[in-house]
C-alpha atoms as a PDB file:
ATOM      1  CA  MET A   1     246.468  98.787 119.607  1.00  0.00           C
ATOM      2  CA  LEU A   2     242.718  98.602 120.121  1.00  0.00           C
ATOM      3  CA  THR A   3     240.615 101.737 120.250  1.00  0.00           C
ATOM      4  CA  SER A   4     238.100 102.285 123.039  1.00  0.00           C
ATOM      5  CA  GLU A   5     235.217 101.499 120.652  1.00  0.00           C
ATOM      6  CA  GLN A   6     236.828  98.206 119.655  1.00  0.00           C
ATOM      7  CA  LEU A   7     237.405  97.317 123.326  1.00  0.00           C
ATOM      8  CA  LYS A   8     233.776  98.107 124.182  1.00  0.00           C
ATOM      9  CA  ARG A   9     232.598  95.979 121.278  1.00  0.00           C
ATOM     10  CA  PHE A  10     234.901  93.102 122.278  1.00  0.00           C
ATOM     11  CA  PHE A  11     233.651  93.159 125.878  1.00  0.00           C
ATOM     12  CA  ALA A  12     230.016  93.411 124.765  1.00  0.00           C
ATOM     13  CA  ILE A  13     230.474  90.349 122.545  1.00  0.00           C
ATOM     14  CA  ALA A  14     232.298  88.459 125.314  1.00  0.00           C
ATOM     15  CA  ILE A  15     229.565  89.277 127.847  1.00  0.00           C
ATOM     16  CA  GLY A  16     226.891  88.268 125.313  1.00  0.00           C
ATOM     17  CA  PHE A  17     228.536  84.876 124.685  1.00  0.00           C
ATOM     18  CA  THR A  18     228.938  84.370 128.444  1.00  0.00           C
ATOM     19  CA  LEU A  19     225.260  85.100 129.076  1.00  0.00           C
ATOM     20  CA  VAL A  20     224.087  82.846 126.242  1.00  0.00           C
ATOM     21  CA  GLY A  21     226.382  80.070 127.442  1.00  0.00           C
ATOM     22  CA  GLY A  22     225.154  80.492 131.029  1.00  0.00           C
ATOM     23  CA  LEU A  23     221.519  80.371 129.947  1.00  0.00           C
ATOM     24  CA  ALA A  24     222.142  77.280 127.835  1.00  0.00           C
ATOM     25  CA  TRP A  25     223.948  75.552 130.710  1.00  0.00           C
ATOM     26  CA  GLY A  26     221.131  76.495 133.129  1.00  0.00           C
ATOM     27  CA  LEU A  27     218.524  75.151 130.715  1.00  0.00           C
ATOM     28  CA  ILE A  28     220.415  71.869 130.382  1.00  0.00           C
ATOM     29  CA  VAL A  29     220.723  71.478 134.161  1.00  0.00           C
ATOM     30  CA  LEU A  30     217.036  72.336 134.665  1.00  0.00           C
ATOM     31  CA  THR A  31     215.951  69.879 131.962  1.00  0.00           C
ATOM     32  CA  ARG A  32     218.146  67.133 133.401  1.00  0.00           C
ATOM     33  CA  THR A  33     216.779  67.748 136.912  1.00  0.00           C
ATOM     34  CA  PHE A  34     213.178  67.577 135.729  1.00  0.00           C
ATOM     35  CA  TRP A  35     213.876  64.466 133.665  1.00  0.00           C
ATOM     36  CA  GLU A  36     215.495  62.699 136.648  1.00  0.00           C
ATOM     37  CA  ALA A  37     212.559  63.629 138.887  1.00  0.00           C
ATOM     38  CA  PHE A  38     210.078  62.512 136.225  1.00  0.00           C
ATOM     39  CA  THR A  39     211.722  59.105 135.764  1.00  0.00           C
ATOM     40  CA  GLN A  40     211.592  58.518 139.546  1.00  0.00           C
ATOM     41  CA  LEU A  41     207.796  58.907 139.667  1.00  0.00           C
ATOM     42  CA  ASN A  42     205.250  56.141 139.841  1.00  0.00           C
ATOM     43  CA  PRO A  43     204.371  55.161 136.220  1.00  0.00           C
ATOM     44  CA  THR A  44     200.671  55.937 136.774  1.00  0.00           C
ATOM     45  CA  VAL A  45     201.428  59.420 138.139  1.00  0.00           C
ATOM     46  CA  ALA A  46     204.004  60.031 135.387  1.00  0.00           C
ATOM     47  CA  ALA A  47     201.479  59.084 132.689  1.00  0.00           C
ATOM     48  CA  GLY A  48     198.887  61.436 134.184  1.00  0.00           C
ATOM     49  CA  MET A  49     201.402  64.271 134.435  1.00  0.00           C
ATOM     50  CA  LEU A  50     202.581  63.673 130.884  1.00  0.00           C
ATOM     51  CA  ALA A  51     198.981  63.768 129.622  1.00  0.00           C
ATOM     52  CA  ALA A  52     198.274  66.980 131.538  1.00  0.00           C
ATOM     53  CA  VAL A  53     201.453  68.693 130.365  1.00  0.00           C
ATOM     54  CA  THR A  54     200.820  67.609 126.772  1.00  0.00           C
ATOM     55  CA  THR A  55     197.246  68.931 126.922  1.00  0.00           C
ATOM     56  CA  VAL A  56     198.396  72.275 128.283  1.00  0.00           C
ATOM     57  CA  LEU A  57     201.209  72.578 125.737  1.00  0.00           C
ATOM     58  CA  VAL A  58     198.945  71.703 122.803  1.00  0.00           C
ATOM     59  CA  SER A  59     196.356  74.221 124.035  1.00  0.00           C
ATOM     60  CA  VAL A  60     198.925  76.988 124.444  1.00  0.00           C
ATOM     61  CA  VAL A  61     200.490  76.306 121.041  1.00  0.00           C
ATOM     62  CA  SER A  62     197.039  76.204 119.395  1.00  0.00           C
ATOM     63  CA  VAL A  63     196.005  79.519 120.946  1.00  0.00           C
ATOM     64  CA  LEU A  64     199.301  81.191 120.031  1.00  0.00           C
ATOM     65  CA  TYR A  65     199.125  79.891 116.460  1.00  0.00           C
ATOM     66  CA  SER A  66     195.514  80.984 115.991  1.00  0.00           C
ATOM     67  CA  LYS A  67     196.355  84.447 117.364  1.00  0.00           C
ATOM     68  CA  HIS A  68     199.280  84.647 114.941  1.00  0.00           C
ATOM     69  CA  LEU A  69     197.026  83.724 111.991  1.00  0.00           C
ATOM     70  CA  GLU A  70     194.369  86.172 113.152  1.00  0.00           C
ATOM     71  CA  GLN A  71     196.949  88.959 113.332  1.00  0.00           C
ATOM     72  CA  LYS A  72     198.208  88.169 109.811  1.00  0.00           C
ATOM     73  CA  LEU A  73     194.640  88.193 108.475  1.00  0.00           C
ATOM     74  CA  ASN A  74     193.927  91.528 110.169  1.00  0.00           C
ATOM     75  CA  ILE A  75     197.064  93.053 108.645  1.00  0.00           C
ATOM     76  CA  ARG A  76     196.084  91.746 105.181  1.00  0.00           C
ATOM     77  CA  LYS A  77     192.583  93.142 105.613  1.00  0.00           C
ATOM     78  CA  GLU A  78     193.896  96.557 106.653  1.00  0.00           C
ATOM     79  CA  HIS A  79     196.334  96.623 103.738  1.00  0.00           C
ATOM     80  CA  ARG A  80     193.590  95.625 101.317  1.00  0.00           C
ATOM     81  CA  GLU A  81     191.365  98.434 102.618  1.00  0.00           C
ATOM     82  CA  LYS A  82     194.168 100.892 101.864  1.00  0.00           C
ATOM     83  CA  LYS A  83     195.112  99.370  98.493  1.00  0.00           C
ATOM     84  CA  VAL A  84     191.661  99.299  96.913  1.00  0.00           C
ATOM     85  CA  PRO A  85     191.189 103.110  96.790  1.00  0.00           C
ATOM     86  CA  VAL A  86     194.731 103.566  95.450  1.00  0.00           C
ATOM     87  CA  TYR A  87     194.133 101.032  92.688  1.00  0.00           C
ATOM     88  CA  GLU A  88     190.714 102.479  91.905  1.00  0.00           C
ATOM     89  CA  ASP A  89     192.243 105.972  91.594  1.00  0.00           C
ATOM     90  CA  LEU A  90     194.974 104.662  89.316  1.00  0.00           C
ATOM     91  CA  ILE A  91     192.559 102.834  87.027  1.00  0.00           C
ATOM     92  CA  THR A  92     190.161 105.801  86.987  1.00  0.00           C
ATOM     93  CA  PHE A  93     193.053 108.073  85.990  1.00  0.00           C
ATOM     94  CA  LEU A  94     194.177 105.741  83.195  1.00  0.00           C
ATOM     95  CA  PHE A  95     190.638 105.418  81.829  1.00  0.00           C
ATOM     96  CA  ARG A  96     190.189 109.187  82.016  1.00  0.00           C
ATOM     97  CA  VAL A  97     193.346 109.643  79.931  1.00  0.00           C
ATOM     98  CA  ILE A  98     192.306 106.936  77.470  1.00  0.00           C
ATOM     99  CA  TYR A  99     188.651 107.955  77.077  1.00  0.00           C
ATOM    100  CA  ALA A 100     188.820 111.757  77.420  1.00  0.00           C
ATOM    101  CA  GLN A 101     188.584 112.402  73.690  1.00  0.00           C
ATOM    102  CA  LYS A 102     186.070 109.609  73.011  1.00  0.00           C
ATOM    103  CA  GLU A 103     183.677 110.934  75.643  1.00  0.00           C
ATOM    104  CA  GLY A 104     184.031 114.493  74.422  1.00  0.00           C
ATOM    105  CA  ALA A 105     185.648 115.553  77.670  1.00  0.00           C
ATOM    106  CA  GLU A 106     188.445 118.045  77.845  1.00  0.00           C
ATOM    107  CA  PRO A 107     191.802 116.228  77.818  1.00  0.00           C
ATOM    108  CA  LEU A 108     193.789 116.486  81.012  1.00  0.00           C
ATOM    109  CA  SER A 109     196.345 119.256  81.084  1.00  0.00           C
ATOM    110  CA  ASP A 110     200.010 118.393  81.536  1.00  0.00           C
ATOM    111  CA  LYS A 111     199.855 119.827  85.077  1.00  0.00           C
ATOM    112  CA  GLU A 112     196.826 117.658  85.949  1.00  0.00           C
ATOM    113  CA  ILE A 113     198.581 114.580  84.599  1.00  0.00           C
ATOM    114  CA  VAL A 114     201.803 115.319  86.510  1.00  0.00           C
ATOM    115  CA  ASP A 115     199.956 116.137  89.755  1.00  0.00           C
ATOM    116  CA  THR A 116     197.736 113.068  89.568  1.00  0.00           C
ATOM    117  CA  TYR A 117     200.592 110.803  88.561  1.00  0.00           C
ATOM    118  CA  SER A 118     202.745 112.137  91.403  1.00  0.00           C
ATOM    119  CA  ARG A 119     199.988 111.464  93.966  1.00  0.00           C
ATOM    120  CA  LEU A 120     199.315 107.999  92.564  1.00  0.00           C
ATOM    121  CA  THR A 121     203.024 107.144  92.600  1.00  0.00           C
ATOM    122  CA  GLN A 122     203.329 108.168  96.258  1.00  0.00           C
ATOM    123  CA  ASN A 123     200.384 106.002  97.222  1.00  0.00           C
ATOM    124  CA  ALA A 124     201.624 103.083  95.118  1.00  0.00           C
ATOM    125  CA  ILE A 125     205.034 103.196  96.789  1.00  0.00           C
ATOM    126  CA  ILE A 126     203.354 102.865 100.181  1.00  0.00           C
ATOM    127  CA  TRP A 127     200.550 100.389  99.464  1.00  0.00           C
ATOM    128  CA  ALA A 128     201.173  98.508  96.209  1.00  0.00           C
ATOM    129  CA  SER A 129     202.602  94.993  96.159  1.00  0.00           C
ATOM    130  CA  ASP A 130     206.004  94.255  94.640  1.00  0.00           C
ATOM    131  CA  ASP A 131     204.408  92.930  91.441  1.00  0.00           C
ATOM    132  CA  VAL A 132     202.261  96.043  91.061  1.00  0.00           C
ATOM    133  CA  ILE A 133     205.301  98.290  91.616  1.00  0.00           C
ATOM    134  CA  LYS A 134     207.196  96.401  88.877  1.00  0.00           C
ATOM    135  CA  ALA A 135     204.243  96.625  86.484  1.00  0.00           C
ATOM    136  CA  PHE A 136     203.745 100.315  87.328  1.00  0.00           C
ATOM    137  CA  HIS A 137     207.416 100.975  86.565  1.00  0.00           C
ATOM    138  CA  LYS A 138     207.128  99.091  83.259  1.00  0.00           C
ATOM    139  CA  PHE A 139     204.044 101.153  82.383  1.00  0.00           C
ATOM    140  CA  ARG A 140     205.838 104.401  83.234  1.00  0.00           C
ATOM    141  CA  ALA A 141     208.830 103.472  81.066  1.00  0.00           C
ATOM    142  CA  ALA A 142     206.529 102.541  78.172  1.00  0.00           C
ATOM    143  CA  SER A 143     204.518 105.747  78.541  1.00  0.00           C
ATOM    144  CA  LEU A 144     207.677 107.886  78.366  1.00  0.00           C
ATOM    145  CA  ALA A 145     209.115 106.088  75.331  1.00  0.00           C
ATOM    146  CA  LYS A 146     208.493 107.561  71.892  1.00  0.00           C
ATOM    147  CA  GLN A 147     206.665 104.891  69.921  1.00  0.00           C
ATOM    148  CA  GLU A 148     204.899 104.723  66.628  1.00  0.00           C
ATOM    149  CA  ASN A 149     203.023 101.619  67.746  1.00  0.00           C
ATOM    150  CA  TYR A 150     201.012 101.910  70.947  1.00  0.00           C
ATOM    151  CA  LEU A 151     200.899  98.131  71.535  1.00  0.00           C
ATOM    152  CA  PRO A 152     203.858  98.004  74.012  1.00  0.00           C
ATOM    153  CA  LEU A 153     202.215 100.754  76.080  1.00  0.00           C
ATOM    154  CA  ALA A 154     198.839  98.993  75.928  1.00  0.00           C
ATOM    155  CA  LEU A 155     200.416  95.686  76.993  1.00  0.00           C
ATOM    156  CA  SER A 156     202.125  97.401  79.931  1.00  0.00           C
ATOM    157  CA  VAL A 157     198.715  98.768  80.987  1.00  0.00           C
ATOM    158  CA  GLU A 158     197.287  95.251  80.813  1.00  0.00           C
ATOM    159  CA  ASP A 159     200.214  93.891  82.873  1.00  0.00           C
ATOM    160  CA  LEU A 160     199.521  96.592  85.459  1.00  0.00           C
ATOM    161  CA  PHE A 161     195.823  95.682  85.590  1.00  0.00           C
ATOM    162  CA  LEU A 162     196.637  91.977  85.956  1.00  0.00           C
ATOM    163  CA  ALA A 163     199.139  92.711  88.752  1.00  0.00           C
ATOM    164  CA  ILE A 164     196.514  94.795  90.565  1.00  0.00           C
ATOM    165  CA  ARG A 165     193.970  91.997  90.220  1.00  0.00           C
ATOM    166  CA  ARG A 166     196.485  89.444  91.587  1.00  0.00           C
ATOM    167  CA  ASP A 167     197.270  91.709  94.529  1.00  0.00           C
ATOM    168  CA  LEU A 168     193.577  91.949  95.348  1.00  0.00           C
ATOM    169  CA  GLY A 169     193.234  88.161  95.355  1.00  0.00           C
ATOM    170  CA  HIS A 170     192.112  87.336  91.819  1.00  0.00           C
ATOM    171  CA  LYS A 171     193.778  84.328  90.208  1.00  0.00           C
ATOM    172  CA  ASN A 172     193.624  85.630  86.602  1.00  0.00           C
ATOM    173  CA  HIS A 173     193.331  82.013  85.392  1.00  0.00           C
ATOM    174  CA  GLY A 174     192.279  81.747  81.777  1.00  0.00           C
ATOM    175  CA  ILE A 175     192.752  85.444  80.995  1.00  0.00           C
ATOM    176  CA  ALA A 176     194.692  85.409  77.741  1.00  0.00           C
ATOM    177  CA  PRO A 177     196.993  88.269  76.726  1.00  0.00           C
ATOM    178  CA  GLY A 178     194.885  91.021  75.210  1.00  0.00           C
ATOM    179  CA  GLN A 179     191.592  90.021  76.821  1.00  0.00           C
ATOM    180  CA  LEU A 180     191.590  92.855  79.342  1.00  0.00           C
ATOM    181  CA  LEU A 181     192.717  95.300  76.669  1.00  0.00           C
ATOM    182  CA  GLY A 182     190.007  94.031  74.335  1.00  0.00           C
ATOM    183  CA  MET A 183     187.436  95.163  76.873  1.00  0.00           C
ATOM    184  CA  PHE A 184     188.215  98.814  76.152  1.00  0.00           C
ATOM    185  CA  ILE A 185     190.426  98.995  73.051  1.00  0.00           C
ATOM    186  CA  ASN A 186     188.425  98.214  69.925  1.00  0.00           C
ATOM    187  CA  ASP A 187     191.233  98.163  67.364  1.00  0.00           C
ATOM    188  CA  LEU A 188     193.736  96.113  69.361  1.00  0.00           C
ATOM    189  CA  HIS A 189     193.932  93.454  66.675  1.00  0.00           C
ATOM    190  CA  LYS A 190     195.138  96.055  64.122  1.00  0.00           C
ATOM    191  CA  SER A 191     198.345  96.750  66.089  1.00  0.00           C
ATOM    192  CA  ALA A 192     199.385  93.161  66.558  1.00  0.00           C
END
């Protein structure tokens, strides 16, 4: 025995198939009618009509396609405008953690680190690309692991930086592993 919900669903599906079938049949009849009328025309008139219709169709398709591309570019631009400050904050935070002692600054307190990291994570979830999210997760896992050698953590930072650069449009061609790290870690070669 069918429940009332199942009956409603069955009738909704049946009505949907009926409507789609009716629209398809109507489209076929309309196309056939136009085709028969078109083939009955004088060849000169038919050629002129075909040229006019083709011109209009090409124009409409071109305008629609260019509007579609323009909309995609606008969305990318808006996303980029939101991503850049998030990535800048993240990199500033990481450099502040790395360089606090070297610059003679007071190291961040645990509360400052947790608060900043929480805010950065929220923003990354919203604005970061899939690759940046994966690299950010890898960095987080490496930063929580107890390690005698800091190289895995440093490499996860470099992966995060490279993912951020890719998301912002850089190709990263020719950047060898360790080159970004070598820009701010002097003794990188000692850990390898």
